[in-house]
Amino acid sequence: MTKSTSEPVSIRILDREYTVGCEPDERDSLTAAAKLLDAKMREIRGSNRMAALDRVAVLAALNLAHELQQLRNDSDSRDRELKRTLGDLHRKLDGLLEQPAR
């Protein structure tokens, strides 16, 4: 078993700094995720600087989870369509291979 090489990373969300641990190769992804969350929370908060931070955070999380679910649904739909198309192609190929040579 290898020892974790988690490192502290500082991120800023709504002008607040948070330190979280992450693997060095995940740092860029974590930073991008923090920027996405910060942008979503700023969008929800809008000009209402007095909005409760926990409410803004929950609404941002809900919006991001909804977007993720839509992407998963779209991916599942594409996977089903691809499987159907490949099945059709396999049947056509099998039909051609079963025909007697001319």
N, C-alpha and C. Protein backbone atom coordinates (compact mmCIF):
# COMPACT_ATOMS: atom_id res chain seq x y z
N MET A 1 0.84 -1.17 0.00
CA MET A 1 0.00 0.00 0.00
C MET A 1 0.89 1.24 0.00
N THR A 2 0.57 2.20 -0.87
CA THR A 2 1.37 3.41 -0.94
C THR A 2 0.81 4.46 0.00
N LYS A 3 1.70 5.26 0.51
CA LYS A 3 1.28 6.31 1.43
C LYS A 3 0.72 7.49 0.63
N SER A 4 -0.36 8.08 1.13
CA SER A 4 -0.97 9.21 0.47
C SER A 4 -0.02 10.41 0.49
N THR A 5 -0.01 11.15 -0.60
CA THR A 5 0.83 12.34 -0.70
C THR A 5 -0.02 13.59 -0.76
N SER A 6 -1.11 13.59 0.00
CA SER A 6 -2.02 14.72 0.02
C SER A 6 -1.29 15.97 0.47
N GLU A 7 -1.57 17.05 -0.26
CA GLU A 7 -0.95 18.34 0.05
C GLU A 7 -2.03 19.37 0.30
N PRO A 8 -1.77 20.35 1.19
CA PRO A 8 -2.76 21.40 1.42
C PRO A 8 -2.82 22.35 0.22
N VAL A 9 -4.03 22.70 -0.17
CA VAL A 9 -4.24 23.63 -1.27
C VAL A 9 -5.23 24.68 -0.79
N SER A 10 -4.92 25.94 -1.03
CA SER A 10 -5.81 27.04 -0.65
C SER A 10 -6.66 27.41 -1.85
N ILE A 11 -7.96 27.49 -1.61
CA ILE A 11 -8.89 27.91 -2.65
C ILE A 11 -9.74 29.05 -2.09
N ARG A 12 -10.26 29.89 -2.98
CA ARG A 12 -11.11 31.00 -2.55
C ARG A 12 -12.49 30.83 -3.15
N ILE A 13 -13.50 30.90 -2.30
CA ILE A 13 -14.89 30.83 -2.73
C ILE A 13 -15.63 31.96 -2.04
N LEU A 14 -16.24 32.82 -2.82
CA LEU A 14 -16.95 34.00 -2.30
C LEU A 14 -16.08 34.79 -1.32
N ASP A 15 -14.87 35.04 -1.74
CA ASP A 15 -13.91 35.85 -0.97
C ASP A 15 -13.53 35.24 0.37
N ARG A 16 -13.79 33.97 0.55
CA ARG A 16 -13.34 33.26 1.75
C ARG A 16 -12.32 32.22 1.34
N GLU A 17 -11.31 32.08 2.13
CA GLU A 17 -10.26 31.12 1.82
C GLU A 17 -10.47 29.82 2.59
N TYR A 18 -10.29 28.72 1.87
CA TYR A 18 -10.41 27.39 2.45
C TYR A 18 -9.15 26.61 2.09
N THR A 19 -8.69 25.81 3.02
CA THR A 19 -7.55 24.94 2.76
C THR A 19 -8.05 23.51 2.77
N VAL A 20 -7.77 22.81 1.68
CA VAL A 20 -8.20 21.41 1.56
C VAL A 20 -6.99 20.59 1.11
N GLY A 21 -7.04 19.30 1.42
CA GLY A 21 -5.97 18.42 1.01
C GLY A 21 -6.32 17.73 -0.30
N CYS A 22 -5.34 17.60 -1.16
CA CYS A 22 -5.57 16.86 -2.39
C CYS A 22 -4.24 16.31 -2.91
N GLU A 23 -4.35 15.31 -3.77
CA GLU A 23 -3.17 14.72 -4.39
C GLU A 23 -2.58 15.74 -5.37
N PRO A 24 -1.27 15.77 -5.52
CA PRO A 24 -0.65 16.75 -6.42
C PRO A 24 -1.20 16.71 -7.85
N ASP A 25 -1.50 15.51 -8.35
CA ASP A 25 -2.00 15.42 -9.72
C ASP A 25 -3.47 15.82 -9.85
N GLU A 26 -4.13 16.09 -8.73
CA GLU A 26 -5.53 16.53 -8.75
C GLU A 26 -5.68 18.02 -8.46
N ARG A 27 -4.57 18.69 -8.26
CA ARG A 27 -4.58 20.11 -7.87
C ARG A 27 -5.29 20.98 -8.92
N ASP A 28 -4.94 20.81 -10.18
CA ASP A 28 -5.55 21.63 -11.24
C ASP A 28 -7.05 21.40 -11.31
N SER A 29 -7.47 20.16 -11.19
CA SER A 29 -8.88 19.82 -11.24
C SER A 29 -9.62 20.43 -10.04
N LEU A 30 -9.03 20.36 -8.87
CA LEU A 30 -9.63 20.95 -7.68
C LEU A 30 -9.75 22.46 -7.83
N THR A 31 -8.73 23.09 -8.34
CA THR A 31 -8.75 24.54 -8.54
C THR A 31 -9.84 24.93 -9.54
N ALA A 32 -9.97 24.16 -10.62
CA ALA A 32 -11.02 24.43 -11.60
C ALA A 32 -12.39 24.24 -10.99
N ALA A 33 -12.56 23.21 -10.16
CA ALA A 33 -13.84 22.96 -9.49
C ALA A 33 -14.17 24.11 -8.54
N ALA A 34 -13.18 24.61 -7.83
CA ALA A 34 -13.40 25.73 -6.91
C ALA A 34 -13.81 26.98 -7.67
N LYS A 35 -13.20 27.22 -8.82
CA LYS A 35 -13.57 28.39 -9.64
C LYS A 35 -15.00 28.24 -10.16
N LEU A 36 -15.37 27.04 -10.57
CA LEU A 36 -16.73 26.78 -11.03
C LEU A 36 -17.74 27.02 -9.91
N LEU A 37 -17.45 26.51 -8.72
CA LEU A 37 -18.33 26.69 -7.58
C LEU A 37 -18.43 28.16 -7.20
N ASP A 38 -17.29 28.87 -7.20
CA ASP A 38 -17.29 30.29 -6.88
C ASP A 38 -18.16 31.06 -7.88
N ALA A 39 -18.02 30.76 -9.16
CA ALA A 39 -18.82 31.45 -10.18
C ALA A 39 -20.30 31.15 -10.00
N LYS A 40 -20.65 29.90 -9.72
CA LYS A 40 -22.05 29.52 -9.54
C LYS A 40 -22.62 30.21 -8.30
N MET A 41 -21.86 30.26 -7.22
CA MET A 41 -22.35 30.90 -6.00
C MET A 41 -22.50 32.41 -6.20
N ARG A 42 -21.59 33.02 -6.95
CA ARG A 42 -21.70 34.46 -7.23
C ARG A 42 -22.93 34.74 -8.10
N GLU A 43 -23.19 33.85 -9.05
CA GLU A 43 -24.36 34.00 -9.91
C GLU A 43 -25.64 33.92 -9.08
N ILE A 44 -25.70 32.98 -8.16
CA ILE A 44 -26.90 32.81 -7.32
C ILE A 44 -27.06 33.97 -6.36
N ARG A 45 -25.96 34.37 -5.76
CA ARG A 45 -26.01 35.47 -4.79
C ARG A 45 -26.38 36.78 -5.48
N GLY A 46 -25.90 36.96 -6.71
CA GLY A 46 -26.17 38.19 -7.44
C GLY A 46 -25.67 39.40 -6.69
N SER A 47 -26.49 40.43 -6.66
CA SER A 47 -26.09 41.66 -5.97
C SER A 47 -26.47 41.65 -4.50
N ASN A 48 -27.14 40.58 -4.04
CA ASN A 48 -27.56 40.49 -2.64
C ASN A 48 -26.42 39.96 -1.79
N ARG A 49 -25.58 40.85 -1.35
CA ARG A 49 -24.41 40.45 -0.55
C ARG A 49 -24.79 39.97 0.85
N MET A 50 -26.04 40.19 1.22
CA MET A 50 -26.49 39.77 2.55
C MET A 50 -27.12 38.37 2.51
N ALA A 51 -27.16 37.75 1.34
CA ALA A 51 -27.75 36.41 1.24
C ALA A 51 -26.99 35.45 2.14
N ALA A 52 -27.71 34.57 2.80
CA ALA A 52 -27.09 33.61 3.71
C ALA A 52 -26.17 32.68 2.92
N LEU A 53 -24.95 32.56 3.38
CA LEU A 53 -23.95 31.76 2.69
C LEU A 53 -24.38 30.30 2.57
N ASP A 54 -25.00 29.74 3.61
CA ASP A 54 -25.42 28.34 3.54
C ASP A 54 -26.50 28.14 2.48
N ARG A 55 -27.40 29.09 2.35
CA ARG A 55 -28.45 28.99 1.32
C ARG A 55 -27.84 29.08 -0.07
N VAL A 56 -26.94 30.01 -0.27
CA VAL A 56 -26.26 30.15 -1.56
C VAL A 56 -25.50 28.87 -1.89
N ALA A 57 -24.82 28.30 -0.89
CA ALA A 57 -24.04 27.08 -1.12
C ALA A 57 -24.95 25.90 -1.48
N VAL A 58 -26.08 25.76 -0.78
CA VAL A 58 -26.99 24.66 -1.08
C VAL A 58 -27.59 24.82 -2.46
N LEU A 59 -27.99 26.01 -2.83
CA LEU A 59 -28.56 26.23 -4.16
C LEU A 59 -27.52 25.99 -5.25
N ALA A 60 -26.28 26.40 -5.01
CA ALA A 60 -25.21 26.14 -5.98
C ALA A 60 -24.97 24.64 -6.12
N ALA A 61 -24.93 23.94 -4.99
CA ALA A 61 -24.73 22.49 -5.03
C ALA A 61 -25.87 21.81 -5.77
N LEU A 62 -27.10 22.26 -5.51
CA LEU A 62 -28.26 21.68 -6.19
C LEU A 62 -28.20 21.93 -7.69
N ASN A 63 -27.84 23.13 -8.10
CA ASN A 63 -27.70 23.44 -9.53
C ASN A 63 -26.63 22.59 -10.18
N LEU A 64 -25.49 22.46 -9.53
CA LEU A 64 -24.40 21.66 -10.10
C LEU A 64 -24.76 20.18 -10.15
N ALA A 65 -25.45 19.68 -9.11
CA ALA A 65 -25.88 18.29 -9.11
C ALA A 65 -26.89 18.04 -10.22
N HIS A 66 -27.78 19.00 -10.46
CA HIS A 66 -28.76 18.89 -11.54
C HIS A 66 -28.06 18.85 -12.90
N GLU A 67 -27.09 19.71 -13.09
CA GLU A 67 -26.32 19.71 -14.34
C GLU A 67 -25.60 18.37 -14.53
N LEU A 68 -25.02 17.85 -13.47
CA LEU A 68 -24.35 16.55 -13.53
C LEU A 68 -25.33 15.45 -13.90
N GLN A 69 -26.51 15.47 -13.29
CA GLN A 69 -27.52 14.45 -13.59
C GLN A 69 -27.96 14.53 -15.04
N GLN A 70 -28.13 15.74 -15.56
CA GLN A 70 -28.49 15.89 -16.97
C GLN A 70 -27.40 15.32 -17.88
N LEU A 71 -26.14 15.59 -17.55
CA LEU A 71 -25.03 15.04 -18.35
C LEU A 71 -25.01 13.52 -18.30
N ARG A 72 -25.28 12.96 -17.12
CA ARG A 72 -25.33 11.50 -16.99
C ARG A 72 -26.48 10.93 -17.82
N ASN A 73 -27.64 11.58 -17.77
CA ASN A 73 -28.79 11.13 -18.56
C ASN A 73 -28.47 11.19 -20.05
N ASP A 74 -27.85 12.29 -20.48
CA ASP A 74 -27.48 12.44 -21.89
C ASP A 74 -26.49 11.36 -22.30
N SER A 75 -25.54 11.08 -21.42
CA SER A 75 -24.54 10.04 -21.70
C SER A 75 -25.19 8.67 -21.81
N ASP A 76 -26.11 8.38 -20.89
CA ASP A 76 -26.83 7.09 -20.94
C ASP A 76 -27.62 6.96 -22.23
N SER A 77 -28.26 8.05 -22.64
CA SER A 77 -29.04 8.04 -23.87
C SER A 77 -28.13 7.79 -25.08
N ARG A 78 -26.98 8.45 -25.11
CA ARG A 78 -26.02 8.25 -26.21
C ARG A 78 -25.50 6.82 -26.21
N ASP A 79 -25.23 6.28 -25.03
CA ASP A 79 -24.76 4.89 -24.93
C ASP A 79 -25.80 3.91 -25.47
N ARG A 80 -27.07 4.12 -25.12
CA ARG A 80 -28.14 3.24 -25.62
C ARG A 80 -28.25 3.34 -27.13
N GLU A 81 -28.17 4.55 -27.67
CA GLU A 81 -28.26 4.75 -29.12
C GLU A 81 -27.07 4.11 -29.83
N LEU A 82 -25.90 4.25 -29.26
CA LEU A 82 -24.70 3.64 -29.84
C LEU A 82 -24.81 2.12 -29.84
N LYS A 83 -25.28 1.53 -28.74
CA LYS A 83 -25.46 0.08 -28.67
C LYS A 83 -26.48 -0.40 -29.70
N ARG A 84 -27.57 0.36 -29.85
CA ARG A 84 -28.59 0.00 -30.83
C ARG A 84 -28.01 0.05 -32.25
N THR A 85 -27.28 1.10 -32.56
CA THR A 85 -26.68 1.25 -33.89
C THR A 85 -25.67 0.15 -34.16
N LEU A 86 -24.84 -0.15 -33.16
CA LEU A 86 -23.85 -1.23 -33.34
C LEU A 86 -24.54 -2.58 -33.52
N GLY A 87 -25.62 -2.81 -32.79
CA GLY A 87 -26.38 -4.06 -32.95
C GLY A 87 -26.94 -4.17 -34.35
N ASP A 88 -27.48 -3.05 -34.88
CA ASP A 88 -28.00 -3.05 -36.25
C ASP A 88 -26.89 -3.36 -37.26
N LEU A 89 -25.74 -2.75 -37.06
CA LEU A 89 -24.60 -3.00 -37.97
C LEU A 89 -24.14 -4.45 -37.90
N HIS A 90 -24.07 -5.02 -36.71
CA HIS A 90 -23.67 -6.43 -36.56
C HIS A 90 -24.66 -7.35 -37.27
N ARG A 91 -25.95 -7.06 -37.12
CA ARG A 91 -26.96 -7.89 -37.81
C ARG A 91 -26.80 -7.79 -39.33
N LYS A 92 -26.55 -6.59 -39.83
CA LYS A 92 -26.36 -6.42 -41.27
C LYS A 92 -25.13 -7.16 -41.76
N LEU A 93 -24.04 -7.04 -40.99
CA LEU A 93 -22.81 -7.75 -41.37
C LEU A 93 -23.02 -9.26 -41.34
N ASP A 94 -23.70 -9.74 -40.29
CA ASP A 94 -23.97 -11.18 -40.21
C ASP A 94 -24.81 -11.63 -41.40
N GLY A 95 -25.77 -10.80 -41.78
CA GLY A 95 -26.61 -11.14 -42.94
C GLY A 95 -25.80 -11.21 -44.22
N LEU A 96 -24.87 -10.27 -44.38
CA LEU A 96 -24.03 -10.28 -45.58
C LEU A 96 -23.08 -11.47 -45.59
N LEU A 97 -22.55 -11.82 -44.43
CA LEU A 97 -21.61 -12.94 -44.36
C LEU A 97 -22.31 -14.28 -44.55
N GLU A 98 -23.60 -14.35 -44.24
CA GLU A 98 -24.35 -15.59 -44.40
C GLU A 98 -24.83 -15.82 -45.83
N GLN A 99 -24.78 -14.77 -46.66
CA GLN A 99 -25.22 -14.94 -48.05
C GLN A 99 -24.22 -15.79 -48.81
N PRO A 100 -24.71 -16.67 -49.71
CA PRO A 100 -23.78 -17.49 -50.50
C PRO A 100 -22.97 -16.61 -51.44
N ALA A 101 -21.72 -17.02 -51.67
CA ALA A 101 -20.84 -16.29 -52.57
C ALA A 101 -21.38 -16.37 -53.99
N ARG A 102 -21.26 -15.31 -54.75
CA ARG A 102 -21.76 -15.29 -56.13
C ARG A 102 -20.67 -15.48 -57.11
